[in-house]
Amino acid sequence: MEYKRIISINDPLFAGMHQLMQKVFPPEEVLEFALWEEPLEDASIHVYVAVLDGEVIGATEYRYYAEFRTAMTDFTIIGSAGAGIGRFLLKNRERDIKRLAEAAGSEPLGMFAEIYDPTQVEYTFGGVTPMNPFVRREVLSHIGYCRLDFPYVHPSWDHLGQAVTGLDLCFLPADDTRTALPAELVHRFLTTYYAALPNKPDAWTQMMADLQSREEVALLPL
C-alpha cells in the first residue's frame, strides 16, 4: 500500500478519490469535481490517498493550523473492509502532522474532526461497513476523540448556505486529561476553517454568537 499526495484534479488518482467520496458521503458533503482545483493547489491542505495496485482504496484530508496549535481531519475514507486501510491512513497522517508541527515550531494541542451522529439523523450512506456512521463513531471514540459540548451545525459544501446537522464537532486532545477547550479557540478555528464558504445559514451565525458568549467548551465522551 502506498501513501500518495494529490495536488491536482488532473492527477488520475483524484478521480478515484472523488468517486469514493461520492460513494460514502451524502451529496451536500461532497465538493464538486471542478471546485477541487483551488483547494488541491493550497499547500496547507494535505490530501493523501491509499493506493494498492494502482487503485485508490482509501483517502484522507487534513490541515495543521500553527496559530491554533491544532490539526483538523477533514475526512477519512476507507474503501473496503479487512485491508488495514484505516490504520494505514491513521499512522501516516500522525507522522505527517508531527512533521508539520515541528516545522512550524509548535506543540499540538490536538486535532478537530466532524463526526456523524446517527442517533440524530438516519443516514443511508456509507457504502462499505467501515464507513457506517455507527462503526466510525465507535472507532473514533476508541482512538480518543471527545465531543465538544455544544449543538453543532456547519454550512453545506455545495455553496447553497444550508445548515448541515447530525454531526458533532469533536477533538482528539494530545493530553488525554484535558476536559475542555477555550471557546475562543473553537470560535476562531471555525471562523478560519469555513472562511471559504461565503454563504452561512442563520443557525451557524447563532451558534458562533453562542460560542463568543462562553469561556470554554467541555470535552465529553463520544
C-alpha atoms as a PDB file:
ATOM      1  CA  MET A   1       0.000   0.000   0.000  1.00  0.00           C
ATOM      2  CA  GLU A   2       1.310   3.462  -0.918  1.00  0.00           C
ATOM      3  CA  TYR A   3       0.553   6.838   0.683  1.00  0.00           C
ATOM      4  CA  LYS A   4       0.416   9.404  -2.123  1.00  0.00           C
ATOM      5  CA  ARG A   5      -0.389  13.105  -2.033  1.00  0.00           C
ATOM      6  CA  ILE A   6      -2.767  14.604  -4.594  1.00  0.00           C
ATOM      7  CA  ILE A   7      -2.117  18.206  -5.610  1.00  0.00           C
ATOM      8  CA  SER A   8      -4.127  18.470  -8.838  1.00  0.00           C
ATOM      9  CA  ILE A   9      -7.502  17.422 -10.203  1.00  0.00           C
ATOM     10  CA  ASN A  10      -5.563  16.275 -13.259  1.00  0.00           C
ATOM     11  CA  ASP A  11      -3.875  13.545 -11.224  1.00  0.00           C
ATOM     12  CA  PRO A  12      -5.538  10.284 -12.366  1.00  0.00           C
ATOM     13  CA  LEU A  13      -5.777   9.246  -8.703  1.00  0.00           C
ATOM     14  CA  PHE A  14      -8.039  12.196  -7.945  1.00  0.00           C
ATOM     15  CA  ALA A  15     -10.903  10.765  -9.993  1.00  0.00           C
ATOM     16  CA  GLY A  16     -10.729   7.567  -7.965  1.00  0.00           C
ATOM     17  CA  MET A  17     -10.770   9.523  -4.722  1.00  0.00           C
ATOM     18  CA  HIS A  18     -13.718  11.665  -5.797  1.00  0.00           C
ATOM     19  CA  GLN A  19     -15.691   8.563  -6.741  1.00  0.00           C
ATOM     20  CA  LEU A  20     -15.024   7.138  -3.279  1.00  0.00           C
ATOM     21  CA  MET A  21     -16.253  10.365  -1.697  1.00  0.00           C
ATOM     22  CA  GLN A  22     -19.499  10.182  -3.659  1.00  0.00           C
ATOM     23  CA  LYS A  23     -19.916   6.586  -2.578  1.00  0.00           C
ATOM     24  CA  VAL A  24     -19.541   7.110   1.155  1.00  0.00           C
ATOM     25  CA  PHE A  25     -20.714  10.692   1.878  1.00  0.00           C
ATOM     26  CA  PRO A  26     -24.057  12.474   1.327  1.00  0.00           C
ATOM     27  CA  PRO A  27     -24.179  14.873  -1.674  1.00  0.00           C
ATOM     28  CA  GLU A  28     -24.129  18.076   0.412  1.00  0.00           C
ATOM     29  CA  GLU A  29     -20.810  16.999   1.945  1.00  0.00           C
ATOM     30  CA  VAL A  30     -19.007  16.483  -1.386  1.00  0.00           C
ATOM     31  CA  LEU A  31     -17.413  19.390  -3.209  1.00  0.00           C
ATOM     32  CA  GLU A  32     -17.918  19.255  -6.984  1.00  0.00           C
ATOM     33  CA  PHE A  33     -15.052  17.778  -9.016  1.00  0.00           C
ATOM     34  CA  ALA A  34     -14.004  21.048 -10.678  1.00  0.00           C
ATOM     35  CA  LEU A  35     -14.202  23.031  -7.430  1.00  0.00           C
ATOM     36  CA  TRP A  36     -11.368  20.917  -6.002  1.00  0.00           C
ATOM     37  CA  GLU A  37      -8.827  22.601  -8.301  1.00  0.00           C
ATOM     38  CA  GLU A  38      -8.046  25.528  -5.988  1.00  0.00           C
ATOM     39  CA  PRO A  39      -8.036  23.598  -2.667  1.00  0.00           C
ATOM     40  CA  LEU A  40      -5.647  20.981  -4.047  1.00  0.00           C
ATOM     41  CA  GLU A  41      -3.218  23.725  -5.061  1.00  0.00           C
ATOM     42  CA  ASP A  42      -3.258  25.104  -1.498  1.00  0.00           C
ATOM     43  CA  ALA A  43      -0.051  23.890   0.157  1.00  0.00           C
ATOM     44  CA  SER A  44      -1.687  23.926   3.608  1.00  0.00           C
ATOM     45  CA  ILE A  45      -4.310  21.351   2.591  1.00  0.00           C
ATOM     46  CA  HIS A  46      -2.969  17.818   2.620  1.00  0.00           C
ATOM     47  CA  VAL A  47      -4.903  15.266   0.567  1.00  0.00           C
ATOM     48  CA  TYR A  48      -3.488  11.764   0.512  1.00  0.00           C
ATOM     49  CA  VAL A  49      -4.759   8.509  -0.921  1.00  0.00           C
ATOM     50  CA  ALA A  50      -4.008   4.904  -0.073  1.00  0.00           C
ATOM     51  CA  VAL A  51      -3.140   3.167  -3.322  1.00  0.00           C
ATOM     52  CA  LEU A  52      -2.945  -0.572  -3.926  1.00  0.00           C
ATOM     53  CA  ASP A  53      -2.076  -1.940  -7.361  1.00  0.00           C
ATOM     54  CA  GLY A  54      -2.815   1.457  -8.894  1.00  0.00           C
ATOM     55  CA  GLU A  55      -6.300   1.698  -7.358  1.00  0.00           C
ATOM     56  CA  VAL A  56      -7.413   4.260  -4.767  1.00  0.00           C
ATOM     57  CA  ILE A  57      -8.758   2.267  -1.826  1.00  0.00           C
ATOM     58  CA  GLY A  58      -8.743   4.975   0.848  1.00  0.00           C
ATOM     59  CA  ALA A  59      -8.131   8.678   1.371  1.00  0.00           C
ATOM     60  CA  THR A  60      -7.690  11.362   3.993  1.00  0.00           C
ATOM     61  CA  GLU A  61      -7.501  15.152   4.056  1.00  0.00           C
ATOM     62  CA  TYR A  62      -6.080  17.199   6.897  1.00  0.00           C
ATOM     63  CA  ARG A  63      -4.509  20.514   7.819  1.00  0.00           C
ATOM     64  CA  TYR A  64      -2.297  21.855  10.575  1.00  0.00           C
ATOM     65  CA  TYR A  65      -3.002  25.326  11.949  1.00  0.00           C
ATOM     66  CA  ALA A  66       0.153  26.505  13.690  1.00  0.00           C
ATOM     67  CA  GLU A  67      -1.593  29.645  15.006  1.00  0.00           C
ATOM     68  CA  PHE A  68      -4.092  27.473  16.876  1.00  0.00           C
ATOM     69  CA  ARG A  69      -1.686  24.589  17.568  1.00  0.00           C
ATOM     70  CA  THR A  70      -4.375  22.251  16.251  1.00  0.00           C
ATOM     71  CA  ALA A  71      -4.910  19.973  13.290  1.00  0.00           C
ATOM     72  CA  MET A  72      -8.161  19.192  11.512  1.00  0.00           C
ATOM     73  CA  THR A  73      -9.055  15.934   9.832  1.00  0.00           C
ATOM     74  CA  ASP A  74     -11.394  16.933   7.011  1.00  0.00           C
ATOM     75  CA  PHE A  75     -12.261  13.355   6.099  1.00  0.00           C
ATOM     76  CA  THR A  76     -11.103   9.766   6.201  1.00  0.00           C
ATOM     77  CA  ILE A  77     -12.348   7.266   3.636  1.00  0.00           C
ATOM     78  CA  ILE A  78     -11.942   3.510   3.875  1.00  0.00           C
ATOM     79  CA  GLY A  79     -12.850   1.835   0.606  1.00  0.00           C
ATOM     80  CA  SER A  80     -13.044  -1.781   1.759  1.00  0.00           C
ATOM     81  CA  ALA A  81     -13.033  -3.849   4.921  1.00  0.00           C
ATOM     82  CA  GLY A  82     -10.281  -6.156   6.110  1.00  0.00           C
ATOM     83  CA  ALA A  83      -7.385  -4.456   4.323  1.00  0.00           C
ATOM     84  CA  GLY A  84      -5.955  -2.389   7.198  1.00  0.00           C
ATOM     85  CA  ILE A  85      -6.702   0.853   5.363  1.00  0.00           C
ATOM     86  CA  GLY A  86      -7.857   2.751   8.447  1.00  0.00           C
ATOM     87  CA  ARG A  87      -4.715   2.131  10.469  1.00  0.00           C
ATOM     88  CA  PHE A  88      -2.515   2.779   7.422  1.00  0.00           C
ATOM     89  CA  LEU A  89      -4.096   6.218   6.960  1.00  0.00           C
ATOM     90  CA  LEU A  90      -4.035   6.979  10.689  1.00  0.00           C
ATOM     91  CA  LYS A  91      -0.330   6.246  11.201  1.00  0.00           C
ATOM     92  CA  ASN A  92       0.786   8.062   8.061  1.00  0.00           C
ATOM     93  CA  ARG A  93      -1.352  11.081   8.969  1.00  0.00           C
ATOM     94  CA  GLU A  94       0.054  11.127  12.532  1.00  0.00           C
ATOM     95  CA  ARG A  95       3.626  11.141  11.218  1.00  0.00           C
ATOM     96  CA  ASP A  96       2.897  13.909   8.735  1.00  0.00           C
ATOM     97  CA  ILE A  97       1.121  16.144  11.247  1.00  0.00           C
ATOM     98  CA  LYS A  98       4.020  15.693  13.664  1.00  0.00           C
ATOM     99  CA  ARG A  99       6.366  16.789  10.872  1.00  0.00           C
ATOM    100  CA  LEU A 100       4.204  19.831  10.074  1.00  0.00           C
ATOM    101  CA  ALA A 101       4.040  20.859  13.743  1.00  0.00           C
ATOM    102  CA  GLU A 102       7.803  20.530  14.173  1.00  0.00           C
ATOM    103  CA  ALA A 103       8.398  22.577  11.032  1.00  0.00           C
ATOM    104  CA  ALA A 104       6.148  25.297  12.479  1.00  0.00           C
ATOM    105  CA  GLY A 105       7.928  25.152  15.820  1.00  0.00           C
ATOM    106  CA  SER A 106       4.743  24.345  17.722  1.00  0.00           C
ATOM    107  CA  GLU A 107       3.475  21.631  20.049  1.00  0.00           C
ATOM    108  CA  PRO A 108      -0.017  20.435  19.000  1.00  0.00           C
ATOM    109  CA  LEU A 109      -2.930  20.664  21.422  1.00  0.00           C
ATOM    110  CA  GLY A 110      -4.800  18.067  19.390  1.00  0.00           C
ATOM    111  CA  MET A 111      -6.989  17.592  16.348  1.00  0.00           C
ATOM    112  CA  PHE A 112     -10.550  18.538  15.408  1.00  0.00           C
ATOM    113  CA  ALA A 113     -12.912  16.359  13.383  1.00  0.00           C
ATOM    114  CA  GLU A 114     -16.588  16.423  12.468  1.00  0.00           C
ATOM    115  CA  ILE A 115     -18.192  13.118  13.360  1.00  0.00           C
ATOM    116  CA  TYR A 116     -21.603  11.906  12.231  1.00  0.00           C
ATOM    117  CA  ASP A 117     -24.147  11.172  14.949  1.00  0.00           C
ATOM    118  CA  PRO A 118     -26.546   8.515  13.613  1.00  0.00           C
ATOM    119  CA  THR A 119     -28.768   8.978  16.679  1.00  0.00           C
ATOM    120  CA  GLN A 120     -29.611  12.493  15.411  1.00  0.00           C
ATOM    121  CA  VAL A 121     -30.150  11.702  11.731  1.00  0.00           C
ATOM    122  CA  GLU A 122     -30.856   8.435   9.931  1.00  0.00           C
ATOM    123  CA  TYR A 123     -28.062   8.097   7.400  1.00  0.00           C
ATOM    124  CA  THR A 124     -28.439   5.988   4.291  1.00  0.00           C
ATOM    125  CA  PHE A 125     -24.886   6.471   3.021  1.00  0.00           C
ATOM    126  CA  GLY A 126     -21.713   4.624   3.933  1.00  0.00           C
ATOM    127  CA  GLY A 127     -21.005   2.278   1.047  1.00  0.00           C
ATOM    128  CA  VAL A 128     -18.870  -0.196   2.984  1.00  0.00           C
ATOM    129  CA  THR A 129     -19.134  -1.461   6.562  1.00  0.00           C
ATOM    130  CA  PRO A 130     -16.171   0.521   7.992  1.00  0.00           C
ATOM    131  CA  MET A 131     -17.825   3.749   6.786  1.00  0.00           C
ATOM    132  CA  ASN A 132     -21.122   3.039   8.567  1.00  0.00           C
ATOM    133  CA  PRO A 133     -21.702   6.032  10.898  1.00  0.00           C
ATOM    134  CA  PHE A 134     -22.166   3.811  13.969  1.00  0.00           C
ATOM    135  CA  VAL A 135     -18.903   1.977  13.258  1.00  0.00           C
ATOM    136  CA  ARG A 136     -16.964   5.171  12.510  1.00  0.00           C
ATOM    137  CA  ARG A 137     -18.169   6.838  15.685  1.00  0.00           C
ATOM    138  CA  GLU A 138     -17.101   3.939  17.891  1.00  0.00           C
ATOM    139  CA  VAL A 139     -13.708   3.661  16.187  1.00  0.00           C
ATOM    140  CA  LEU A 140     -13.044   7.369  16.686  1.00  0.00           C
ATOM    141  CA  SER A 141     -14.088   7.070  20.330  1.00  0.00           C
ATOM    142  CA  HIS A 142     -11.524   4.269  20.745  1.00  0.00           C
ATOM    143  CA  ILE A 143      -8.851   6.476  19.178  1.00  0.00           C
ATOM    144  CA  GLY A 144      -9.584   9.121  21.825  1.00  0.00           C
ATOM    145  CA  TYR A 145     -11.879  11.703  20.264  1.00  0.00           C
ATOM    146  CA  CYS A 146     -14.221  13.623  22.568  1.00  0.00           C
ATOM    147  CA  ARG A 147     -17.408  15.506  21.714  1.00  0.00           C
ATOM    148  CA  LEU A 148     -17.428  19.279  22.183  1.00  0.00           C
ATOM    149  CA  ASP A 149     -20.444  20.177  24.290  1.00  0.00           C
ATOM    150  CA  PHE A 150     -22.490  22.482  22.064  1.00  0.00           C
ATOM    151  CA  PRO A 151     -25.132  21.974  19.325  1.00  0.00           C
ATOM    152  CA  TYR A 152     -23.154  21.892  16.087  1.00  0.00           C
ATOM    153  CA  VAL A 153     -24.087  22.865  12.536  1.00  0.00           C
ATOM    154  CA  HIS A 154     -21.948  23.786   9.579  1.00  0.00           C
ATOM    155  CA  PRO A 155     -22.529  25.417   6.179  1.00  0.00           C
ATOM    156  CA  SER A 156     -23.063  22.989   3.323  1.00  0.00           C
ATOM    157  CA  TRP A 157     -20.139  22.411   0.982  1.00  0.00           C
ATOM    158  CA  ASP A 158     -22.413  22.777  -2.059  1.00  0.00           C
ATOM    159  CA  HIS A 159     -22.231  26.573  -1.523  1.00  0.00           C
ATOM    160  CA  LEU A 160     -26.012  26.830  -1.086  1.00  0.00           C
ATOM    161  CA  GLY A 161     -25.684  28.020   2.501  1.00  0.00           C
ATOM    162  CA  GLN A 162     -27.772  25.272   4.053  1.00  0.00           C
ATOM    163  CA  ALA A 163     -27.278  24.238   7.672  1.00  0.00           C
ATOM    164  CA  VAL A 164     -25.869  20.710   7.871  1.00  0.00           C
ATOM    165  CA  THR A 165     -26.847  18.972  11.090  1.00  0.00           C
ATOM    166  CA  GLY A 166     -26.463  15.470  12.506  1.00  0.00           C
ATOM    167  CA  LEU A 167     -22.774  15.854  13.331  1.00  0.00           C
ATOM    168  CA  ASP A 168     -20.708  16.653  16.388  1.00  0.00           C
ATOM    169  CA  LEU A 169     -17.575  18.745  16.368  1.00  0.00           C
ATOM    170  CA  CYS A 170     -15.049  16.593  18.183  1.00  0.00           C
ATOM    171  CA  PHE A 171     -11.492  16.936  19.404  1.00  0.00           C
ATOM    172  CA  LEU A 172      -8.660  14.481  19.973  1.00  0.00           C
ATOM    173  CA  PRO A 173      -6.577  16.063  22.768  1.00  0.00           C
ATOM    174  CA  ALA A 174      -2.844  15.469  22.863  1.00  0.00           C
ATOM    175  CA  ASP A 175      -3.226  15.469  26.660  1.00  0.00           C
ATOM    176  CA  ASP A 176      -5.930  12.936  27.470  1.00  0.00           C
ATOM    177  CA  THR A 177      -6.536  14.574  30.857  1.00  0.00           C
ATOM    178  CA  ARG A 178      -7.836  17.720  29.144  1.00  0.00           C
ATOM    179  CA  THR A 179     -11.541  18.262  29.904  1.00  0.00           C
ATOM    180  CA  ALA A 180     -12.324  21.449  27.951  1.00  0.00           C
ATOM    181  CA  LEU A 181     -11.174  23.824  25.226  1.00  0.00           C
ATOM    182  CA  PRO A 182     -11.288  27.622  25.301  1.00  0.00           C
ATOM    183  CA  ALA A 183     -14.448  28.723  23.496  1.00  0.00           C
ATOM    184  CA  GLU A 184     -12.408  31.463  21.799  1.00  0.00           C
ATOM    185  CA  LEU A 185     -10.161  28.818  20.227  1.00  0.00           C
ATOM    186  CA  VAL A 186     -13.160  26.884  18.887  1.00  0.00           C
ATOM    187  CA  HIS A 187     -14.719  30.088  17.520  1.00  0.00           C
ATOM    188  CA  ARG A 188     -11.501  31.252  15.845  1.00  0.00           C
ATOM    189  CA  PHE A 189     -10.868  27.825  14.370  1.00  0.00           C
ATOM    190  CA  LEU A 190     -14.364  27.529  12.859  1.00  0.00           C
ATOM    191  CA  THR A 191     -14.197  31.097  11.526  1.00  0.00           C
ATOM    192  CA  THR A 192     -10.964  30.257   9.716  1.00  0.00           C
ATOM    193  CA  TYR A 193     -11.993  26.782   8.598  1.00  0.00           C
ATOM    194  CA  TYR A 194     -15.244  27.891   6.982  1.00  0.00           C
ATOM    195  CA  ALA A 195     -13.959  31.189   5.560  1.00  0.00           C
ATOM    196  CA  ALA A 196     -14.027  29.612   2.086  1.00  0.00           C
ATOM    197  CA  LEU A 197     -17.827  29.281   2.228  1.00  0.00           C
ATOM    198  CA  PRO A 198     -19.392  32.750   1.890  1.00  0.00           C
ATOM    199  CA  ASN A 199     -22.993  31.617   2.404  1.00  0.00           C
ATOM    200  CA  LYS A 200     -23.650  30.930   6.091  1.00  0.00           C
ATOM    201  CA  PRO A 201     -27.048  29.811   7.446  1.00  0.00           C
ATOM    202  CA  ASP A 202     -28.722  31.625  10.343  1.00  0.00           C
ATOM    203  CA  ALA A 203     -28.182  28.571  12.555  1.00  0.00           C
ATOM    204  CA  TRP A 204     -24.431  28.919  12.024  1.00  0.00           C
ATOM    205  CA  THR A 205     -24.483  32.617  12.923  1.00  0.00           C
ATOM    206  CA  GLN A 206     -26.376  31.882  16.143  1.00  0.00           C
ATOM    207  CA  MET A 207     -24.035  29.023  17.038  1.00  0.00           C
ATOM    208  CA  MET A 208     -20.996  31.246  16.583  1.00  0.00           C
ATOM    209  CA  ALA A 209     -22.561  34.010  18.692  1.00  0.00           C
ATOM    210  CA  ASP A 210     -23.246  31.488  21.456  1.00  0.00           C
ATOM    211  CA  LEU A 211     -19.599  30.388  21.378  1.00  0.00           C
ATOM    212  CA  GLN A 212     -18.473  34.001  21.781  1.00  0.00           C
ATOM    213  CA  SER A 213     -20.536  34.268  24.966  1.00  0.00           C
ATOM    214  CA  ARG A 214     -18.793  31.310  26.605  1.00  0.00           C
ATOM    215  CA  GLU A 215     -15.399  30.917  28.242  1.00  0.00           C
ATOM    216  CA  GLU A 216     -14.859  27.237  27.498  1.00  0.00           C
ATOM    217  CA  VAL A 217     -16.444  24.213  25.871  1.00  0.00           C
ATOM    218  CA  ALA A 218     -16.400  20.909  27.707  1.00  0.00           C
ATOM    219  CA  LEU A 219     -14.990  17.742  26.123  1.00  0.00           C
ATOM    220  CA  LEU A 220     -17.457  14.901  26.651  1.00  0.00           C
ATOM    221  CA  PRO A 221     -17.284  11.158  25.935  1.00  0.00           C
ATOM    222  CA  LEU A 222     -18.105  10.322  22.344  1.00  0.00           C
END
